[in-house]
PDB file of N, CA and C in Angstrom:
ATOM      1  N   MET A   1     -74.752   4.030  30.208  1.00  0.00           N
ATOM      2  CA  MET A   1     -74.941   4.518  28.789  1.00  0.00           C
ATOM      3  C   MET A   1     -75.125   3.330  27.809  1.00  0.00           C
ATOM      4  N   THR A   2     -76.123   3.166  26.999  1.00  0.00           N
ATOM      5  CA  THR A   2     -76.258   2.185  26.092  1.00  0.00           C
ATOM      6  C   THR A   2     -75.594   2.493  24.735  1.00  0.00           C
ATOM      7  N   THR A   3     -75.283   1.418  24.134  1.00  0.00           N
ATOM      8  CA  THR A   3     -74.575   1.510  22.771  1.00  0.00           C
ATOM      9  C   THR A   3     -75.480   2.328  21.742  1.00  0.00           C
ATOM     10  N   VAL A   4     -76.751   2.059  21.941  1.00  0.00           N
ATOM     11  CA  VAL A   4     -77.698   2.750  20.947  1.00  0.00           C
ATOM     12  C   VAL A   4     -77.532   4.254  21.222  1.00  0.00           C
ATOM     13  N   HIS A   5     -77.566   4.703  22.509  1.00  0.00           N
ATOM     14  CA  HIS A   5     -77.509   6.146  22.732  1.00  0.00           C
ATOM     15  C   HIS A   5     -76.149   6.672  22.283  1.00  0.00           C
ATOM     16  N   ALA A   6     -75.104   5.897  22.517  1.00  0.00           N
ATOM     17  CA  ALA A   6     -73.691   6.423  22.013  1.00  0.00           C
ATOM     18  C   ALA A   6     -73.724   6.572  20.592  1.00  0.00           C
ATOM     19  N   ASN A   7     -74.268   5.569  19.810  1.00  0.00           N
ATOM     20  CA  ASN A   7     -74.237   5.603  18.343  1.00  0.00           C
ATOM     21  C   ASN A   7     -75.108   6.733  17.939  1.00  0.00           C
ATOM     22  N   THR A   8     -76.151   7.038  18.509  1.00  0.00           N
ATOM     23  CA  THR A   8     -76.988   8.183  18.143  1.00  0.00           C
ATOM     24  C   THR A   8     -76.240   9.483  18.382  1.00  0.00           C
ATOM     25  N   ARG A   9     -75.598   9.759  19.439  1.00  0.00           N
ATOM     26  CA  ARG A   9     -74.572  10.809  19.684  1.00  0.00           C
ATOM     27  C   ARG A   9     -73.599  11.037  18.598  1.00  0.00           C
ATOM     28  N   VAL A  10     -72.896   9.844  18.450  1.00  0.00           N
ATOM     29  CA  VAL A  10     -71.858   9.883  17.302  1.00  0.00           C
ATOM     30  C   VAL A  10     -72.483  10.259  16.017  1.00  0.00           C
ATOM     31  N   LYS A  11     -73.425   9.728  15.594  1.00  0.00           N
ATOM     32  CA  LYS A  11     -74.160  10.051  14.331  1.00  0.00           C
ATOM     33  C   LYS A  11     -74.415  11.567  14.288  1.00  0.00           C
ATOM     34  N   LYS A  12     -75.076  12.086  15.355  1.00  0.00           N
ATOM     35  CA  LYS A  12     -75.473  13.402  15.380  1.00  0.00           C
ATOM     36  C   LYS A  12     -74.141  14.276  15.300  1.00  0.00           C
ATOM     37  N   HIS A  13     -73.049  13.943  15.907  1.00  0.00           N
ATOM     38  CA  HIS A  13     -71.849  14.785  15.782  1.00  0.00           C
ATOM     39  C   HIS A  13     -71.357  14.810  14.350  1.00  0.00           C
ATOM     40  N   ARG A  14     -71.347  13.570  13.797  1.00  0.00           N
ATOM     41  CA  ARG A  14     -70.808  13.338  12.396  1.00  0.00           C
ATOM     42  C   ARG A  14     -71.682  14.126  11.471  1.00  0.00           C
ATOM     43  N   ASP A  15     -72.909  14.170  11.609  1.00  0.00           N
ATOM     44  CA  ASP A  15     -73.803  14.853  10.796  1.00  0.00           C
ATOM     45  C   ASP A  15     -73.469  16.348  10.894  1.00  0.00           C
ATOM     46  N   ALA A  16     -73.314  16.744  12.141  1.00  0.00           N
ATOM     47  CA  ALA A  16     -73.084  18.297  12.159  1.00  0.00           C
ATOM     48  C   ALA A  16     -71.728  18.630  11.590  1.00  0.00           C
ATOM     49  N   LEU A  17     -70.736  17.780  11.628  1.00  0.00           N
ATOM     50  CA  LEU A  17     -69.424  18.024  11.021  1.00  0.00           C
ATOM     51  C   LEU A  17     -69.688  18.043   9.473  1.00  0.00           C
ATOM     52  N   ARG A  18     -70.352  17.128   8.950  1.00  0.00           N
ATOM     53  CA  ARG A  18     -70.650  17.126   7.487  1.00  0.00           C
ATOM     54  C   ARG A  18     -71.343  18.382   7.097  1.00  0.00           C
ATOM     55  N   ALA A  19     -72.345  18.776   7.969  1.00  0.00           N
ATOM     56  CA  ALA A  19     -73.136  20.006   7.614  1.00  0.00           C
ATOM     57  C   ALA A  19     -72.201  21.210   7.515  1.00  0.00           C
ATOM     58  N   ALA A  20     -71.126  21.180   8.355  1.00  0.00           N
ATOM     59  CA  ALA A  20     -70.162  22.205   8.360  1.00  0.00           C
ATOM     60  C   ALA A  20     -69.112  22.135   7.253  1.00  0.00           C
ATOM     61  N   GLY A  21     -69.415  21.269   6.405  1.00  0.00           N
ATOM     62  CA  GLY A  21     -68.606  21.139   5.191  1.00  0.00           C
ATOM     63  C   GLY A  21     -67.300  20.157   5.281  1.00  0.00           C
ATOM     64  N   LEU A  22     -67.300  19.419   6.402  1.00  0.00           N
ATOM     65  CA  LEU A  22     -66.124  18.505   6.635  1.00  0.00           C
ATOM     66  C   LEU A  22     -66.539  17.082   6.231  1.00  0.00           C
ATOM     67  N   ARG A  23     -65.594  16.266   5.901  1.00  0.00           N
ATOM     68  CA  ARG A  23     -65.788  14.995   5.586  1.00  0.00           C
ATOM     69  C   ARG A  23     -64.785  14.013   6.264  1.00  0.00           C
ATOM     70  N   PRO A  24     -65.160  12.879   6.662  1.00  0.00           N
ATOM     71  CA  PRO A  24     -64.283  11.971   7.417  1.00  0.00           C
ATOM     72  C   PRO A  24     -63.194  11.255   6.496  1.00  0.00           C
ATOM     73  N   ILE A  25     -62.092  11.137   7.050  1.00  0.00           N
ATOM     74  CA  ILE A  25     -61.100  10.267   6.361  1.00  0.00           C
ATOM     75  C   ILE A  25     -60.403   9.277   7.297  1.00  0.00           C
ATOM     76  N   GLN A  26     -59.858   8.298   6.798  1.00  0.00           N
ATOM     77  CA  GLN A  26     -59.088   7.377   7.677  1.00  0.00           C
ATOM     78  C   GLN A  26     -57.676   7.261   7.228  1.00  0.00           C
ATOM     79  N   ILE A  27     -56.747   7.359   8.145  1.00  0.00           N
ATOM     80  CA  ILE A  27     -55.265   7.239   7.918  1.00  0.00           C
ATOM     81  C   ILE A  27     -54.670   6.118   8.692  1.00  0.00           C
ATOM     82  N   TRP A  28     -53.721   5.495   8.221  1.00  0.00           N
ATOM     83  CA  TRP A  28     -53.058   4.487   8.963  1.00  0.00           C
ATOM     84  C   TRP A  28     -51.670   4.965   9.142  1.00  0.00           C
ATOM     85  N   VAL A  29     -51.162   4.949  10.436  1.00  0.00           N
ATOM     86  CA  VAL A  29     -49.944   5.405  10.767  1.00  0.00           C
ATOM     87  C   VAL A  29     -49.099   4.242  11.463  1.00  0.00           C
ATOM     88  N   PRO A  30     -47.796   4.387  11.446  1.00  0.00           N
ATOM     89  CA  PRO A  30     -47.041   3.290  12.111  1.00  0.00           C
ATOM     90  C   PRO A  30     -47.272   3.162  13.456  1.00  0.00           C
ATOM     91  N   ASP A  31     -47.342   1.998  14.108  1.00  0.00           N
ATOM     92  CA  ASP A  31     -47.501   1.696  15.329  1.00  0.00           C
ATOM     93  C   ASP A  31     -46.283   1.799  16.145  1.00  0.00           C
ATOM     94  N   THR A  32     -46.226   2.934  16.891  1.00  0.00           N
ATOM     95  CA  THR A  32     -44.980   3.221  17.686  1.00  0.00           C
ATOM     96  C   THR A  32     -44.682   2.315  18.826  1.00  0.00           C
ATOM     97  N   ARG A  33     -45.760   1.528  19.132  1.00  0.00           N
ATOM     98  CA  ARG A  33     -45.675   0.649  20.302  1.00  0.00           C
ATOM     99  C   ARG A  33     -44.955  -0.839  19.834  1.00  0.00           C
ATOM    100  N   ARG A  34     -44.944  -0.899  18.608  1.00  0.00           N
ATOM    101  CA  ARG A  34     -44.574  -2.264  18.091  1.00  0.00           C
ATOM    102  C   ARG A  34     -43.066  -2.523  18.276  1.00  0.00           C
ATOM    103  N   PRO A  35     -42.732  -3.659  18.755  1.00  0.00           N
ATOM    104  CA  PRO A  35     -41.343  -4.075  18.921  1.00  0.00           C
ATOM    105  C   PRO A  35     -40.600  -3.878  17.643  1.00  0.00           C
ATOM    106  N   GLY A  36     -39.384  -3.229  17.845  1.00  0.00           N
ATOM    107  CA  GLY A  36     -38.517  -2.903  16.655  1.00  0.00           C
ATOM    108  C   GLY A  36     -38.745  -1.616  15.991  1.00  0.00           C
ATOM    109  N   PHE A  37     -39.826  -0.887  16.427  1.00  0.00           N
ATOM    110  CA  PHE A  37     -40.072   0.359  15.905  1.00  0.00           C
ATOM    111  C   PHE A  37     -38.870   1.371  15.983  1.00  0.00           C
ATOM    112  N   VAL A  38     -38.571   1.469  17.114  1.00  0.00           N
ATOM    113  CA  VAL A  38     -37.465   2.400  17.477  1.00  0.00           C
ATOM    114  C   VAL A  38     -36.072   1.996  16.681  1.00  0.00           C
ATOM    115  N   GLU A  39     -35.794   0.754  16.741  1.00  0.00           N
ATOM    116  CA  GLU A  39     -34.702   0.345  15.969  1.00  0.00           C
ATOM    117  C   GLU A  39     -34.693   0.700  14.537  1.00  0.00           C
ATOM    118  N   GLU A  40     -36.020   0.517  13.959  1.00  0.00           N
ATOM    119  CA  GLU A  40     -36.045   0.767  12.584  1.00  0.00           C
ATOM    120  C   GLU A  40     -35.946   2.234  12.297  1.00  0.00           C
ATOM    121  N   CYS A  41     -36.513   3.084  13.159  1.00  0.00           N
ATOM    122  CA  CYS A  41     -36.350   4.504  12.861  1.00  0.00           C
ATOM    123  C   CYS A  41     -34.852   4.919  12.998  1.00  0.00           C
ATOM    124  N   ARG A  42     -34.151   4.407  13.918  1.00  0.00           N
ATOM    125  CA  ARG A  42     -32.841   4.732  14.027  1.00  0.00           C
ATOM    126  C   ARG A  42     -31.967   4.190  12.823  1.00  0.00           C
ATOM    127  N   ARG A  43     -32.340   2.940  12.312  1.00  0.00           N
ATOM    128  CA  ARG A  43     -31.542   2.379  11.128  1.00  0.00           C
ATOM    129  C   ARG A  43     -31.825   3.335   9.931  1.00  0.00           C
ATOM    130  N   GLN A  44     -33.048   3.818   9.666  1.00  0.00           N
ATOM    131  CA  GLN A  44     -33.396   4.661   8.666  1.00  0.00           C
ATOM    132  C   GLN A  44     -32.716   6.002   8.743  1.00  0.00           C
ATOM    133  N   CYS A  45     -32.650   6.629   9.982  1.00  0.00           N
ATOM    134  CA  CYS A  45     -31.943   7.858  10.100  1.00  0.00           C
ATOM    135  C   CYS A  45     -30.405   7.712   9.837  1.00  0.00           C
ATOM    136  N   LEU A  46     -29.795   6.595  10.306  1.00  0.00           N
ATOM    137  CA  LEU A  46     -28.428   6.414  10.036  1.00  0.00           C
ATOM    138  C   LEU A  46     -28.091   6.388   8.589  1.00  0.00           C
ATOM    139  N   VAL A  47     -29.012   5.692   7.789  1.00  0.00           N
ATOM    140  CA  VAL A  47     -28.948   5.378   6.241  1.00  0.00           C
ATOM    141  C   VAL A  47     -28.787   6.928   5.754  1.00  0.00           C
ATOM    142  N   LEU A  48     -29.770   7.869   6.081  1.00  0.00           N
ATOM    143  CA  LEU A  48     -29.818   9.137   5.614  1.00  0.00           C
ATOM    144  C   LEU A  48     -28.934  10.064   6.052  1.00  0.00           C
ATOM    145  N   ARG A  49     -28.197   9.882   7.118  1.00  0.00           N
ATOM    146  CA  ARG A  49     -27.396  10.751   7.941  1.00  0.00           C
ATOM    147  C   ARG A  49     -26.510  11.654   7.039  1.00  0.00           C
ATOM    148  N   ASN A  50     -25.647  10.973   6.137  1.00  0.00           N
ATOM    149  CA  ASN A  50     -24.758  11.718   5.270  1.00  0.00           C
ATOM    150  C   ASN A  50     -25.259  11.797   3.757  1.00  0.00           C
ATOM    151  N   ASP A  51     -26.512  11.597   3.479  1.00  0.00           N
ATOM    152  CA  ASP A  51     -26.902  11.565   2.283  1.00  0.00           C
ATOM    153  C   ASP A  51     -27.135  13.025   1.587  1.00  0.00           C
ATOM    154  N   PRO A  52     -26.413  13.383   0.568  1.00  0.00           N
ATOM    155  CA  PRO A  52     -26.472  14.834   0.145  1.00  0.00           C
ATOM    156  C   PRO A  52     -27.918  15.252  -0.266  1.00  0.00           C
ATOM    157  N   GLN A  53     -28.576  14.142  -0.863  1.00  0.00           N
ATOM    158  CA  GLN A  53     -29.953  14.617  -1.273  1.00  0.00           C
ATOM    159  C   GLN A  53     -30.974  14.979  -0.131  1.00  0.00           C
ATOM    160  N   GLU A  54     -30.646  14.152   0.874  1.00  0.00           N
ATOM    161  CA  GLU A  54     -31.563  14.305   2.165  1.00  0.00           C
ATOM    162  C   GLU A  54     -31.160  15.682   2.652  1.00  0.00           C
ATOM    163  N   LYS A  55     -29.924  16.001   2.847  1.00  0.00           N
ATOM    164  CA  LYS A  55     -29.565  17.368   3.209  1.00  0.00           C
ATOM    165  C   LYS A  55     -30.176  18.541   2.396  1.00  0.00           C
ATOM    166  N   GLU A  56     -30.113  18.362   1.141  1.00  0.00           N
ATOM    167  CA  GLU A  56     -30.857  19.317   0.328  1.00  0.00           C
ATOM    168  C   GLU A  56     -32.275  19.449   0.530  1.00  0.00           C
ATOM    169  N   ILE A  57     -32.929  18.375   0.683  1.00  0.00           N
ATOM    170  CA  ILE A  57     -34.336  18.333   0.964  1.00  0.00           C
ATOM    171  C   ILE A  57     -34.681  19.071   2.265  1.00  0.00           C
ATOM    172  N   MET A  58     -33.932  18.603   3.262  1.00  0.00           N
ATOM    173  CA  MET A  58     -34.194  19.242   4.737  1.00  0.00           C
ATOM    174  C   MET A  58     -33.875  20.683   4.580  1.00  0.00           C
ATOM    175  N   ASN A  59     -32.734  21.213   3.969  1.00  0.00           N
ATOM    176  CA  ASN A  59     -32.554  22.644   3.828  1.00  0.00           C
ATOM    177  C   ASN A  59     -33.777  23.245   3.055  1.00  0.00           C
ATOM    178  N   TRP A  60     -34.309  22.615   2.031  1.00  0.00           N
ATOM    179  CA  TRP A  60     -35.396  23.251   1.377  1.00  0.00           C
ATOM    180  C   TRP A  60     -36.679  23.416   2.307  1.00  0.00           C
ATOM    181  N   LEU A  61     -36.934  22.300   2.882  1.00  0.00           N
ATOM    182  CA  LEU A  61     -38.116  22.314   3.819  1.00  0.00           C
ATOM    183  C   LEU A  61     -37.936  23.332   4.968  1.00  0.00           C
ATOM    184  N   GLU A  62     -36.683  23.528   5.520  1.00  0.00           N
ATOM    185  CA  GLU A  62     -36.405  24.546   6.502  1.00  0.00           C
ATOM    186  C   GLU A  62     -36.764  25.935   6.046  1.00  0.00           C
ATOM    187  N   ALA A  63     -36.269  26.238   4.783  1.00  0.00           N
ATOM    188  CA  ALA A  63     -36.512  27.430   4.141  1.00  0.00           C
ATOM    189  C   ALA A  63     -37.871  27.738   3.816  1.00  0.00           C
ATOM    190  N   ALA A  64     -38.731  26.705   3.324  1.00  0.00           N
ATOM    191  CA  ALA A  64     -40.026  26.797   2.859  1.00  0.00           C
ATOM    192  C   ALA A  64     -40.999  26.863   4.130  1.00  0.00           C
ATOM    193  N   ALA A  65     -40.507  26.446   5.258  1.00  0.00           N
ATOM    194  CA  ALA A  65     -41.601  26.294   6.412  1.00  0.00           C
ATOM    195  C   ALA A  65     -41.918  27.653   6.860  1.00  0.00           C
ATOM    196  N   ASP A  66     -43.136  27.746   7.154  1.00  0.00           N
ATOM    197  CA  ASP A  66     -43.641  28.995   7.771  1.00  0.00           C
ATOM    198  C   ASP A  66     -43.736  28.724   9.283  1.00  0.00           C
ATOM    199  N   THR A  67     -42.737  29.177   9.953  1.00  0.00           N
ATOM    200  CA  THR A  67     -42.629  28.973  11.374  1.00  0.00           C
ATOM    201  C   THR A  67     -42.949  30.114  12.145  1.00  0.00           C
ATOM    202  N   ASP A  68     -43.630  31.213  11.606  1.00  0.00           N
ATOM    203  CA  ASP A  68     -43.970  32.522  12.342  1.00  0.00           C
ATOM    204  C   ASP A  68     -44.943  32.082  13.400  1.00  0.00           C
ATOM    205  N   GLY A  69     -44.654  32.551  14.622  1.00  0.00           N
ATOM    206  CA  GLY A  69     -45.545  32.314  15.761  1.00  0.00           C
ATOM    207  C   GLY A  69     -45.368  31.125  16.409  1.00  0.00           C
ATOM    208  N   TRP A  70     -44.484  30.294  15.981  1.00  0.00           N
ATOM    209  CA  TRP A  70     -44.042  28.971  16.739  1.00  0.00           C
ATOM    210  C   TRP A  70     -43.226  29.337  17.855  1.00  0.00           C
ATOM    211  N   VAL A  71     -43.389  28.534  18.948  1.00  0.00           N
ATOM    212  CA  VAL A  71     -42.661  28.769  20.154  1.00  0.00           C
ATOM    213  C   VAL A  71     -41.467  28.079  20.140  1.00  0.00           C
TER     214      VAL A  71
END
Protein backbone atom coordinates (compact mmCIF):
# COMPACT_ATOMS: atom_id res chain seq x y z
CA MET A 1 0.00 0.00 0.00
CA THR A 2 1.45 3.33 -0.95
CA THR A 3 1.25 6.46 1.14
CA VAL A 4 -0.60 8.24 -1.66
CA HIS A 5 -3.26 5.52 -1.72
CA ALA A 6 -3.63 5.66 2.08
CA ASN A 7 -3.88 9.45 2.02
CA THR A 8 -6.61 9.23 -0.63
CA ARG A 9 -8.58 6.74 1.47
CA VAL A 10 -8.24 8.89 4.58
CA LYS A 11 -9.34 12.01 2.71
CA LYS A 12 -12.36 10.16 1.28
CA HIS A 13 -13.31 8.92 4.75
CA ARG A 14 -12.93 12.39 6.29
CA ASP A 15 -14.93 13.97 3.48
CA ALA A 16 -17.74 11.46 4.11
CA LEU A 17 -17.73 12.29 7.81
CA ARG A 18 -17.88 16.02 7.06
CA ALA A 19 -20.73 15.39 4.61
CA ALA A 20 -22.55 13.65 7.47
CA GLY A 21 -22.31 16.86 9.50
CA LEU A 22 -19.32 15.93 11.65
CA ARG A 23 -16.14 17.87 12.16
CA PRO A 24 -12.74 16.78 13.43
CA ILE A 25 -11.36 17.87 16.77
CA GLN A 26 -8.08 17.19 18.49
CA ILE A 27 -7.77 16.59 22.22
CA TRP A 28 -4.72 16.03 24.34
CA VAL A 29 -4.97 13.61 27.23
CA PRO A 30 -2.50 12.63 29.94
CA ASP A 31 0.00 9.98 28.88
CA THR A 32 -0.79 7.11 31.24
CA ARG A 33 2.47 5.41 30.27
CA ARG A 34 4.61 8.26 31.55
CA PRO A 35 6.76 7.55 34.61
CA GLY A 36 5.13 9.01 37.70
CA PHE A 37 1.60 9.06 36.28
CA VAL A 38 0.21 6.48 38.72
CA GLU A 39 1.89 8.13 41.68
CA GLU A 40 0.49 11.54 40.72
CA CYS A 41 -3.02 10.09 40.38
CA ARG A 42 -2.70 8.56 43.82
CA ARG A 43 -1.37 11.81 45.30
CA GLN A 44 -4.29 13.80 43.89
CA CYS A 45 -6.82 11.23 45.10
CA LEU A 46 -5.39 11.34 48.61
CA VAL A 47 -5.55 15.14 48.62
CA LEU A 48 -9.27 14.99 47.79
CA ARG A 49 -10.17 11.96 49.92
CA ASN A 50 -11.65 13.89 52.86
CA ASP A 51 -12.47 17.16 51.07
CA PRO A 52 -16.11 18.10 51.82
CA GLN A 53 -16.51 19.99 48.53
CA GLU A 54 -15.26 16.98 46.58
CA LYS A 55 -17.79 14.76 48.39
CA GLU A 56 -20.58 17.22 47.58
CA ILE A 57 -19.60 17.32 43.91
CA MET A 58 -19.36 13.53 43.66
CA ASN A 59 -22.78 13.14 45.30
CA TRP A 60 -24.25 15.62 42.82
CA LEU A 61 -22.65 13.84 39.86
CA GLU A 62 -24.01 10.50 41.06
CA ALA A 63 -27.51 11.93 41.44
CA ALA A 64 -27.39 13.70 38.06
CA ALA A 65 -25.92 10.81 36.07
CA ASP A 66 -28.22 8.97 33.69
CA THR A 67 -27.13 5.37 34.25
CA ASP A 68 -30.26 3.64 32.95
CA GLY A 69 -29.23 0.69 30.83
CA TRP A 70 -25.68 0.52 32.18
CA VAL A 71 -24.47 -2.91 33.11
